[in-house]
Amino acid sequence: MLPWVEDFTPAQIRLIGMVELLGALGLLLPAATGIAPALTPLAATGLATTMLAAALTHLRRKEPAAVAVNAALLTLAALIAWGRFGPYTF
């Protein structure tokens, strides 16, 4: 089990997992199917926000390796959001 789960209830952990899963689907499915591609930057923004909250949790717990992973994922999600909100969207 990951150490950060000690700070959350089982229901909160399930909610976090669901948010991450829906965010990942929101990144992939609209672009892949062509249905509602405007959802992709919104999903990326949501994932970036989730990664920011995760990084803050890991900072509070003094887990620098996990913060680095969150920072990398936050950067990727922010780049996707920026690119899809910009003038060169699909």
PDB file of N, CA and C in Angstrom:
ATOM      1  N   MET A   1       0.847  -1.165   0.000  1.00  0.00           N
ATOM      2  CA  MET A   1       0.000   0.000   0.000  1.00  0.00           C
ATOM      3  C   MET A   1       0.903   1.242   0.000  1.00  0.00           C
ATOM      4  N   LEU A   2       0.455   2.280  -0.661  1.00  0.00           N
ATOM      5  CA  LEU A   2       1.201   3.534  -0.717  1.00  0.00           C
ATOM      6  C   LEU A   2       1.042   4.291   0.604  1.00  0.00           C
ATOM      7  N   PRO A   3       2.109   4.964   1.056  1.00  0.00           N
ATOM      8  CA  PRO A   3       2.032   5.608   2.373  1.00  0.00           C
ATOM      9  C   PRO A   3       1.019   6.741   2.470  1.00  0.00           C
ATOM     10  N   TRP A   4       0.746   7.447   1.382  1.00  0.00           N
ATOM     11  CA  TRP A   4      -0.154   8.597   1.457  1.00  0.00           C
ATOM     12  C   TRP A   4      -1.587   8.212   1.778  1.00  0.00           C
ATOM     13  N   VAL A   5      -1.954   6.949   1.567  1.00  0.00           N
ATOM     14  CA  VAL A   5      -3.344   6.551   1.810  1.00  0.00           C
ATOM     15  C   VAL A   5      -3.717   6.611   3.293  1.00  0.00           C
ATOM     16  N   GLU A   6      -2.709   6.700   4.155  1.00  0.00           N
ATOM     17  CA  GLU A   6      -2.989   6.814   5.591  1.00  0.00           C
ATOM     18  C   GLU A   6      -3.743   8.100   5.926  1.00  0.00           C
ATOM     19  N   ASP A   7      -3.611   9.107   5.053  1.00  0.00           N
ATOM     20  CA  ASP A   7      -4.234  10.407   5.312  1.00  0.00           C
ATOM     21  C   ASP A   7      -5.678  10.502   4.807  1.00  0.00           C
ATOM     22  N   PHE A   8      -6.172   9.457   4.148  1.00  0.00           N
ATOM     23  CA  PHE A   8      -7.481   9.533   3.500  1.00  0.00           C
ATOM     24  C   PHE A   8      -8.340   8.339   3.879  1.00  0.00           C
ATOM     25  N   THR A   9      -9.655   8.537   3.813  1.00  0.00           N
ATOM     26  CA  THR A   9     -10.593   7.442   4.050  1.00  0.00           C
ATOM     27  C   THR A   9     -10.683   6.592   2.786  1.00  0.00           C
ATOM     28  N   PRO A  10     -11.175   5.369   2.910  1.00  0.00           N
ATOM     29  CA  PRO A  10     -11.347   4.540   1.710  1.00  0.00           C
ATOM     30  C   PRO A  10     -12.239   5.201   0.649  1.00  0.00           C
ATOM     31  N   ALA A  11     -13.263   5.913   1.079  1.00  0.00           N
ATOM     32  CA  ALA A  11     -14.144   6.589   0.115  1.00  0.00           C
ATOM     33  C   ALA A  11     -13.386   7.689  -0.627  1.00  0.00           C
ATOM     34  N   GLN A  12     -12.536   8.424   0.075  1.00  0.00           N
ATOM     35  CA  GLN A  12     -11.756   9.476  -0.569  1.00  0.00           C
ATOM     36  C   GLN A  12     -10.751   8.878  -1.559  1.00  0.00           C
ATOM     37  N   ILE A  13     -10.161   7.755  -1.217  1.00  0.00           N
ATOM     38  CA  ILE A  13      -9.208   7.093  -2.114  1.00  0.00           C
ATOM     39  C   ILE A  13      -9.920   6.638  -3.387  1.00  0.00           C
ATOM     40  N   ARG A  14     -11.111   6.070  -3.237  1.00  0.00           N
ATOM     41  CA  ARG A  14     -11.891   5.673  -4.417  1.00  0.00           C
ATOM     42  C   ARG A  14     -12.242   6.882  -5.283  1.00  0.00           C
ATOM     43  N   LEU A  15     -12.595   7.994  -4.649  1.00  0.00           N
ATOM     44  CA  LEU A  15     -12.923   9.217  -5.381  1.00  0.00           C
ATOM     45  C   LEU A  15     -11.704   9.735  -6.151  1.00  0.00           C
ATOM     46  N   ILE A  16     -10.543   9.725  -5.527  1.00  0.00           N
ATOM     47  CA  ILE A  16      -9.323  10.157  -6.201  1.00  0.00           C
ATOM     48  C   ILE A  16      -9.038   9.270  -7.410  1.00  0.00           C
ATOM     49  N   GLY A  17      -9.170   7.971  -7.227  1.00  0.00           N
ATOM     50  CA  GLY A  17      -8.963   7.045  -8.346  1.00  0.00           C
ATOM     51  C   GLY A  17      -9.950   7.275  -9.474  1.00  0.00           C
ATOM     52  N   MET A  18     -11.199   7.523  -9.126  1.00  0.00           N
ATOM     53  CA  MET A  18     -12.232   7.774 -10.136  1.00  0.00           C
ATOM     54  C   MET A  18     -11.948   9.066 -10.897  1.00  0.00           C
ATOM     55  N   VAL A  19     -11.525  10.110 -10.183  1.00  0.00           N
ATOM     56  CA  VAL A  19     -11.200  11.388 -10.824  1.00  0.00           C
ATOM     57  C   VAL A  19     -10.042  11.198 -11.807  1.00  0.00           C
ATOM     58  N   GLU A  20      -9.016  10.453 -11.403  1.00  0.00           N
ATOM     59  CA  GLU A  20      -7.872  10.225 -12.283  1.00  0.00           C
ATOM     60  C   GLU A  20      -8.262   9.383 -13.496  1.00  0.00           C
ATOM     61  N   LEU A  21      -9.084   8.362 -13.277  1.00  0.00           N
ATOM     62  CA  LEU A  21      -9.534   7.524 -14.395  1.00  0.00           C
ATOM     63  C   LEU A  21     -10.382   8.325 -15.377  1.00  0.00           C
ATOM     64  N   LEU A  22     -11.327   9.104 -14.877  1.00  0.00           N
ATOM     65  CA  LEU A  22     -12.166   9.917 -15.758  1.00  0.00           C
ATOM     66  C   LEU A  22     -11.335  10.974 -16.489  1.00  0.00           C
ATOM     67  N   GLY A  23     -10.338  11.527 -15.814  1.00  0.00           N
ATOM     68  CA  GLY A  23      -9.448  12.490 -16.467  1.00  0.00           C
ATOM     69  C   GLY A  23      -8.673  11.845 -17.608  1.00  0.00           C
ATOM     70  N   ALA A  24      -8.161  10.645 -17.378  1.00  0.00           N
ATOM     71  CA  ALA A  24      -7.431   9.939 -18.435  1.00  0.00           C
ATOM     72  C   ALA A  24      -8.343   9.624 -19.613  1.00  0.00           C
ATOM     73  N   LEU A  25      -9.551   9.176 -19.329  1.00  0.00           N
ATOM     74  CA  LEU A  25     -10.512   8.914 -20.410  1.00  0.00           C
ATOM     75  C   LEU A  25     -10.869  10.207 -21.144  1.00  0.00           C
ATOM     76  N   GLY A  26     -10.974  11.293 -20.402  1.00  0.00           N
ATOM     77  CA  GLY A  26     -11.271  12.587 -21.006  1.00  0.00           C
ATOM     78  C   GLY A  26     -10.159  13.089 -21.905  1.00  0.00           C
ATOM     79  N   LEU A  27      -8.930  12.678 -21.635  1.00  0.00           N
ATOM     80  CA  LEU A  27      -7.819  13.038 -22.516  1.00  0.00           C
ATOM     81  C   LEU A  27      -7.833  12.225 -23.801  1.00  0.00           C
ATOM     82  N   LEU A  28      -8.186  10.962 -23.695  1.00  0.00           N
ATOM     83  CA  LEU A  28      -8.055  10.052 -24.832  1.00  0.00           C
ATOM     84  C   LEU A  28      -9.288   9.971 -25.725  1.00  0.00           C
ATOM     85  N   LEU A  29     -10.439   9.771 -25.128  1.00  0.00           N
ATOM     86  CA  LEU A  29     -11.631   9.463 -25.921  1.00  0.00           C
ATOM     87  C   LEU A  29     -12.114  10.584 -26.843  1.00  0.00           C
ATOM     88  N   PRO A  30     -12.188  11.828 -26.398  1.00  0.00           N
ATOM     89  CA  PRO A  30     -12.676  12.863 -27.321  1.00  0.00           C
ATOM     90  C   PRO A  30     -11.805  13.012 -28.569  1.00  0.00           C
ATOM     91  N   ALA A  31     -10.496  12.974 -28.395  1.00  0.00           N
ATOM     92  CA  ALA A  31      -9.608  13.102 -29.552  1.00  0.00           C
ATOM     93  C   ALA A  31      -9.665  11.856 -30.427  1.00  0.00           C
ATOM     94  N   ALA A  32      -9.793  10.688 -29.817  1.00  0.00           N
ATOM     95  CA  ALA A  32      -9.805   9.438 -30.578  1.00  0.00           C
ATOM     96  C   ALA A  32     -11.109   9.248 -31.343  1.00  0.00           C
ATOM     97  N   THR A  33     -12.225   9.677 -30.771  1.00  0.00           N
ATOM     98  CA  THR A  33     -13.523   9.447 -31.410  1.00  0.00           C
ATOM     99  C   THR A  33     -14.028  10.653 -32.189  1.00  0.00           C
ATOM    100  N   GLY A  34     -13.476  11.830 -31.901  1.00  0.00           N
ATOM    101  CA  GLY A  34     -13.963  13.038 -32.559  1.00  0.00           C
ATOM    102  C   GLY A  34     -15.252  13.570 -31.950  1.00  0.00           C
ATOM    103  N   ILE A  35     -15.697  12.937 -30.878  1.00  0.00           N
ATOM    104  CA  ILE A  35     -16.922  13.363 -30.200  1.00  0.00           C
ATOM    105  C   ILE A  35     -16.540  14.301 -29.058  1.00  0.00           C
ATOM    106  N   ALA A  36     -17.041  15.501 -29.070  1.00  0.00           N
ATOM    107  CA  ALA A  36     -16.823  16.523 -28.034  1.00  0.00           C
ATOM    108  C   ALA A  36     -15.343  16.741 -27.724  1.00  0.00           C
ATOM    109  N   PRO A  37     -14.524  17.085 -28.729  1.00  0.00           N
ATOM    110  CA  PRO A  37     -13.096  17.292 -28.471  1.00  0.00           C
ATOM    111  C   PRO A  37     -12.810  18.462 -27.528  1.00  0.00           C
ATOM    112  N   ALA A  38     -13.799  19.305 -27.285  1.00  0.00           N
ATOM    113  CA  ALA A  38     -13.610  20.403 -26.328  1.00  0.00           C
ATOM    114  C   ALA A  38     -13.441  19.890 -24.906  1.00  0.00           C
ATOM    115  N   LEU A  39     -13.774  18.625 -24.663  1.00  0.00           N
ATOM    116  CA  LEU A  39     -13.610  18.062 -23.324  1.00  0.00           C
ATOM    117  C   LEU A  39     -12.149  17.762 -22.992  1.00  0.00           C
ATOM    118  N   THR A  40     -11.308  17.583 -24.016  1.00  0.00           N
ATOM    119  CA  THR A  40      -9.906  17.229 -23.771  1.00  0.00           C
ATOM    120  C   THR A  40      -9.175  18.295 -22.952  1.00  0.00           C
ATOM    121  N   PRO A  41      -9.221  19.586 -23.310  1.00  0.00           N
ATOM    122  CA  PRO A  41      -8.513  20.554 -22.469  1.00  0.00           C
ATOM    123  C   PRO A  41      -9.120  20.701 -21.074  1.00  0.00           C
ATOM    124  N   LEU A  42     -10.414  20.472 -20.961  1.00  0.00           N
ATOM    125  CA  LEU A  42     -11.036  20.524 -19.640  1.00  0.00           C
ATOM    126  C   LEU A  42     -10.555  19.364 -18.776  1.00  0.00           C
ATOM    127  N   ALA A  43     -10.440  18.183 -19.371  1.00  0.00           N
ATOM    128  CA  ALA A  43      -9.919  17.028 -18.643  1.00  0.00           C
ATOM    129  C   ALA A  43      -8.466  17.258 -18.248  1.00  0.00           C
ATOM    130  N   ALA A  44      -7.686  17.836 -19.147  1.00  0.00           N
ATOM    131  CA  ALA A  44      -6.285  18.115 -18.844  1.00  0.00           C
ATOM    132  C   ALA A  44      -6.164  19.126 -17.711  1.00  0.00           C
ATOM    133  N   THR A  45      -7.018  20.124 -17.697  1.00  0.00           N
ATOM    134  CA  THR A  45      -7.020  21.109 -16.612  1.00  0.00           C
ATOM    135  C   THR A  45      -7.386  20.436 -15.286  1.00  0.00           C
ATOM    136  N   GLY A  46      -8.364  19.564 -15.325  1.00  0.00           N
ATOM    137  CA  GLY A  46      -8.752  18.825 -14.117  1.00  0.00           C
ATOM    138  C   GLY A  46      -7.633  17.932 -13.613  1.00  0.00           C
ATOM    139  N   LEU A  47      -6.931  17.261 -14.536  1.00  0.00           N
ATOM    140  CA  LEU A  47      -5.813  16.415 -14.114  1.00  0.00           C
ATOM    141  C   LEU A  47      -4.663  17.243 -13.560  1.00  0.00           C
ATOM    142  N   ALA A  48      -4.407  18.394 -14.164  1.00  0.00           N
ATOM    143  CA  ALA A  48      -3.353  19.270 -13.645  1.00  0.00           C
ATOM    144  C   ALA A  48      -3.698  19.717 -12.224  1.00  0.00           C
ATOM    145  N   THR A  49      -4.944  20.042 -11.986  1.00  0.00           N
ATOM    146  CA  THR A  49      -5.392  20.438 -10.646  1.00  0.00           C
ATOM    147  C   THR A  49      -5.245  19.274  -9.665  1.00  0.00           C
ATOM    148  N   THR A  50      -5.598  18.083 -10.105  1.00  0.00           N
ATOM    149  CA  THR A  50      -5.456  16.890  -9.272  1.00  0.00           C
ATOM    150  C   THR A  50      -3.990  16.650  -8.916  1.00  0.00           C
ATOM    151  N   MET A  51      -3.104  16.811  -9.888  1.00  0.00           N
ATOM    152  CA  MET A  51      -1.673  16.601  -9.636  1.00  0.00           C
ATOM    153  C   MET A  51      -1.098  17.675  -8.710  1.00  0.00           C
ATOM    154  N   LEU A  52      -1.617  18.893  -8.801  1.00  0.00           N
ATOM    155  CA  LEU A  52      -1.193  19.952  -7.890  1.00  0.00           C
ATOM    156  C   LEU A  52      -1.585  19.591  -6.453  1.00  0.00           C
ATOM    157  N   ALA A  53      -2.816  19.124  -6.285  1.00  0.00           N
ATOM    158  CA  ALA A  53      -3.269  18.710  -4.948  1.00  0.00           C
ATOM    159  C   ALA A  53      -2.450  17.522  -4.444  1.00  0.00           C
ATOM    160  N   ALA A  54      -2.129  16.592  -5.330  1.00  0.00           N
ATOM    161  CA  ALA A  54      -1.318  15.441  -4.939  1.00  0.00           C
ATOM    162  C   ALA A  54       0.085  15.884  -4.524  1.00  0.00           C
ATOM    163  N   ALA A  55       0.665  16.811  -5.284  1.00  0.00           N
ATOM    164  CA  ALA A  55       2.002  17.304  -4.951  1.00  0.00           C
ATOM    165  C   ALA A  55       1.999  17.995  -3.585  1.00  0.00           C
ATOM    166  N   LEU A  56       0.962  18.770  -3.306  1.00  0.00           N
ATOM    167  CA  LEU A  56       0.861  19.430  -2.005  1.00  0.00           C
ATOM    168  C   LEU A  56       0.756  18.409  -0.873  1.00  0.00           C
ATOM    169  N   THR A  57       0.012  17.333  -1.113  1.00  0.00           N
ATOM    170  CA  THR A  57      -0.093  16.265  -0.119  1.00  0.00           C
ATOM    171  C   THR A  57       1.272  15.628   0.131  1.00  0.00           C
ATOM    172  N   HIS A  58       2.005  15.347  -0.936  1.00  0.00           N
ATOM    173  CA  HIS A  58       3.324  14.721  -0.796  1.00  0.00           C
ATOM    174  C   HIS A  58       4.342  15.681  -0.173  1.00  0.00           C
ATOM    175  N   LEU A  59       4.229  16.965  -0.462  1.00  0.00           N
ATOM    176  CA  LEU A  59       5.104  17.940   0.194  1.00  0.00           C
ATOM    177  C   LEU A  59       4.860  17.953   1.704  1.00  0.00           C
ATOM    178  N   ARG A  60       3.591  17.946   2.063  1.00  0.00           N
ATOM    179  CA  ARG A  60       3.239  17.944   3.483  1.00  0.00           C
ATOM    180  C   ARG A  60       3.766  16.689   4.180  1.00  0.00           C
ATOM    181  N   ARG A  61       3.763  15.571   3.450  1.00  0.00           N
ATOM    182  CA  ARG A  61       4.228  14.301   4.019  1.00  0.00           C
ATOM    183  C   ARG A  61       5.740  14.119   3.876  1.00  0.00           C
ATOM    184  N   LYS A  62       6.425  15.103   3.261  1.00  0.00           N
ATOM    185  CA  LYS A  62       7.871  15.050   3.042  1.00  0.00           C
ATOM    186  C   LYS A  62       8.268  13.829   2.206  1.00  0.00           C
ATOM    187  N   GLU A  63       7.613  13.691   1.037  1.00  0.00           N
ATOM    188  CA  GLU A  63       7.881  12.613   0.080  1.00  0.00           C
ATOM    189  C   GLU A  63       8.347  13.230  -1.237  1.00  0.00           C
ATOM    190  N   PRO A  64       9.623  13.628  -1.313  1.00  0.00           N
ATOM    191  CA  PRO A  64      10.103  14.371  -2.491  1.00  0.00           C
ATOM    192  C   PRO A  64      10.060  13.574  -3.797  1.00  0.00           C
ATOM    193  N   ALA A  65      10.247  12.276  -3.752  1.00  0.00           N
ATOM    194  CA  ALA A  65      10.203  11.484  -4.984  1.00  0.00           C
ATOM    195  C   ALA A  65       8.802  11.525  -5.603  1.00  0.00           C
ATOM    196  N   ALA A  66       7.794  11.447  -4.768  1.00  0.00           N
ATOM    197  CA  ALA A  66       6.420  11.504  -5.268  1.00  0.00           C
ATOM    198  C   ALA A  66       6.086  12.898  -5.798  1.00  0.00           C
ATOM    199  N   VAL A  67       6.646  13.934  -5.178  1.00  0.00           N
ATOM    200  CA  VAL A  67       6.421  15.304  -5.658  1.00  0.00           C
ATOM    201  C   VAL A  67       6.982  15.455  -7.063  1.00  0.00           C
ATOM    202  N   ALA A  68       8.133  14.866  -7.320  1.00  0.00           N
ATOM    203  CA  ALA A  68       8.738  14.942  -8.656  1.00  0.00           C
ATOM    204  C   ALA A  68       7.850  14.287  -9.704  1.00  0.00           C
ATOM    205  N   VAL A  69       7.282  13.141  -9.371  1.00  0.00           N
ATOM    206  CA  VAL A  69       6.369  12.462 -10.305  1.00  0.00           C
ATOM    207  C   VAL A  69       5.136  13.333 -10.549  1.00  0.00           C
ATOM    208  N   ASN A  70       4.572  13.892  -9.487  1.00  0.00           N
ATOM    209  CA  ASN A  70       3.405  14.763  -9.637  1.00  0.00           C
ATOM    210  C   ASN A  70       3.720  15.994 -10.466  1.00  0.00           C
ATOM    211  N   ALA A  71       4.915  16.554 -10.281  1.00  0.00           N
ATOM    212  CA  ALA A  71       5.315  17.733 -11.056  1.00  0.00           C
ATOM    213  C   ALA A  71       5.422  17.397 -12.539  1.00  0.00           C
ATOM    214  N   ALA A  72       5.957  16.231 -12.854  1.00  0.00           N
ATOM    215  CA  ALA A  72       6.065  15.816 -14.252  1.00  0.00           C
ATOM    216  C   ALA A  72       4.679  15.623 -14.869  1.00  0.00           C
ATOM    217  N   LEU A  73       3.788  14.958 -14.157  1.00  0.00           N
ATOM    218  CA  LEU A  73       2.433  14.737 -14.667  1.00  0.00           C
ATOM    219  C   LEU A  73       1.648  16.050 -14.771  1.00  0.00           C
ATOM    220  N   LEU A  74       1.846  16.940 -13.808  1.00  0.00           N
ATOM    221  CA  LEU A  74       1.202  18.251 -13.855  1.00  0.00           C
ATOM    222  C   LEU A  74       1.672  19.019 -15.085  1.00  0.00           C
ATOM    223  N   THR A  75       2.963  18.972 -15.361  1.00  0.00           N
ATOM    224  CA  THR A  75       3.515  19.666 -16.532  1.00  0.00           C
ATOM    225  C   THR A  75       2.918  19.125 -17.819  1.00  0.00           C
ATOM    226  N   LEU A  76       2.845  17.803 -17.943  1.00  0.00           N
ATOM    227  CA  LEU A  76       2.260  17.197 -19.149  1.00  0.00           C
ATOM    228  C   LEU A  76       0.792  17.594 -19.317  1.00  0.00           C
ATOM    229  N   ALA A  77       0.039  17.522 -18.231  1.00  0.00           N
ATOM    230  CA  ALA A  77      -1.382  17.885 -18.313  1.00  0.00           C
ATOM    231  C   ALA A  77      -1.546  19.361 -18.655  1.00  0.00           C
ATOM    232  N   ALA A  78      -0.711  20.213 -18.070  1.00  0.00           N
ATOM    233  CA  ALA A  78      -0.799  21.644 -18.361  1.00  0.00           C
ATOM    234  C   ALA A  78      -0.441  21.928 -19.819  1.00  0.00           C
ATOM    235  N   LEU A  79       0.542  21.231 -20.352  1.00  0.00           N
ATOM    236  CA  LEU A  79       0.907  21.412 -21.766  1.00  0.00           C
ATOM    237  C   LEU A  79      -0.230  20.979 -22.693  1.00  0.00           C
ATOM    238  N   ILE A  80      -0.885  19.885 -22.346  1.00  0.00           N
ATOM    239  CA  ILE A  80      -2.029  19.434 -23.151  1.00  0.00           C
ATOM    240  C   ILE A  80      -3.149  20.464 -23.082  1.00  0.00           C
ATOM    241  N   ALA A  81      -3.453  20.938 -21.886  1.00  0.00           N
ATOM    242  CA  ALA A  81      -4.515  21.951 -21.740  1.00  0.00           C
ATOM    243  C   ALA A  81      -4.167  23.201 -22.530  1.00  0.00           C
ATOM    244  N   TRP A  82      -2.945  23.686 -22.392  1.00  0.00           N
ATOM    245  CA  TRP A  82      -2.509  24.887 -23.106  1.00  0.00           C
ATOM    246  C   TRP A  82      -2.592  24.680 -24.618  1.00  0.00           C
ATOM    247  N   GLY A  83      -2.128  23.543 -25.081  1.00  0.00           N
ATOM    248  CA  GLY A  83      -2.158  23.267 -26.520  1.00  0.00           C
ATOM    249  C   GLY A  83      -3.571  23.126 -27.073  1.00  0.00           C
ATOM    250  N   ARG A  84      -4.455  22.513 -26.310  1.00  0.00           N
ATOM    251  CA  ARG A  84      -5.821  22.296 -26.791  1.00  0.00           C
ATOM    252  C   ARG A  84      -6.702  23.527 -26.640  1.00  0.00           C
ATOM    253  N   PHE A  85      -6.420  24.387 -25.677  1.00  0.00           N
ATOM    254  CA  PHE A  85      -7.164  25.640 -25.561  1.00  0.00           C
ATOM    255  C   PHE A  85      -6.668  26.664 -26.575  1.00  0.00           C
ATOM    256  N   GLY A  86      -5.459  26.436 -27.087  1.00  0.00           N
ATOM    257  CA  GLY A  86      -4.828  27.394 -27.995  1.00  0.00           C
ATOM    258  C   GLY A  86      -5.393  27.352 -29.400  1.00  0.00           C
ATOM    259  N   PRO A  87      -4.739  28.074 -30.326  1.00  0.00           N
ATOM    260  CA  PRO A  87      -5.246  28.194 -31.682  1.00  0.00           C
ATOM    261  C   PRO A  87      -5.018  26.966 -32.555  1.00  0.00           C
ATOM    262  N   TYR A  88      -4.250  25.983 -32.086  1.00  0.00           N
ATOM    263  CA  TYR A  88      -3.925  24.825 -32.910  1.00  0.00           C
ATOM    264  C   TYR A  88      -4.583  23.550 -32.394  1.00  0.00           C
ATOM    265  N   THR A  89      -5.829  23.619 -32.013  1.00  0.00           N
ATOM    266  CA  THR A  89      -6.518  22.446 -31.471  1.00  0.00           C
ATOM    267  C   THR A  89      -6.917  21.510 -32.603  1.00  0.00           C
ATOM    268  N   PHE A  90      -7.267  20.286 -32.206  1.00  0.00           N
ATOM    269  CA  PHE A  90      -7.766  19.309 -33.199  1.00  0.00           C
ATOM    270  C   PHE A  90      -9.093  19.796 -33.742  1.00  0.00           C
TER     271      PHE A  90
END
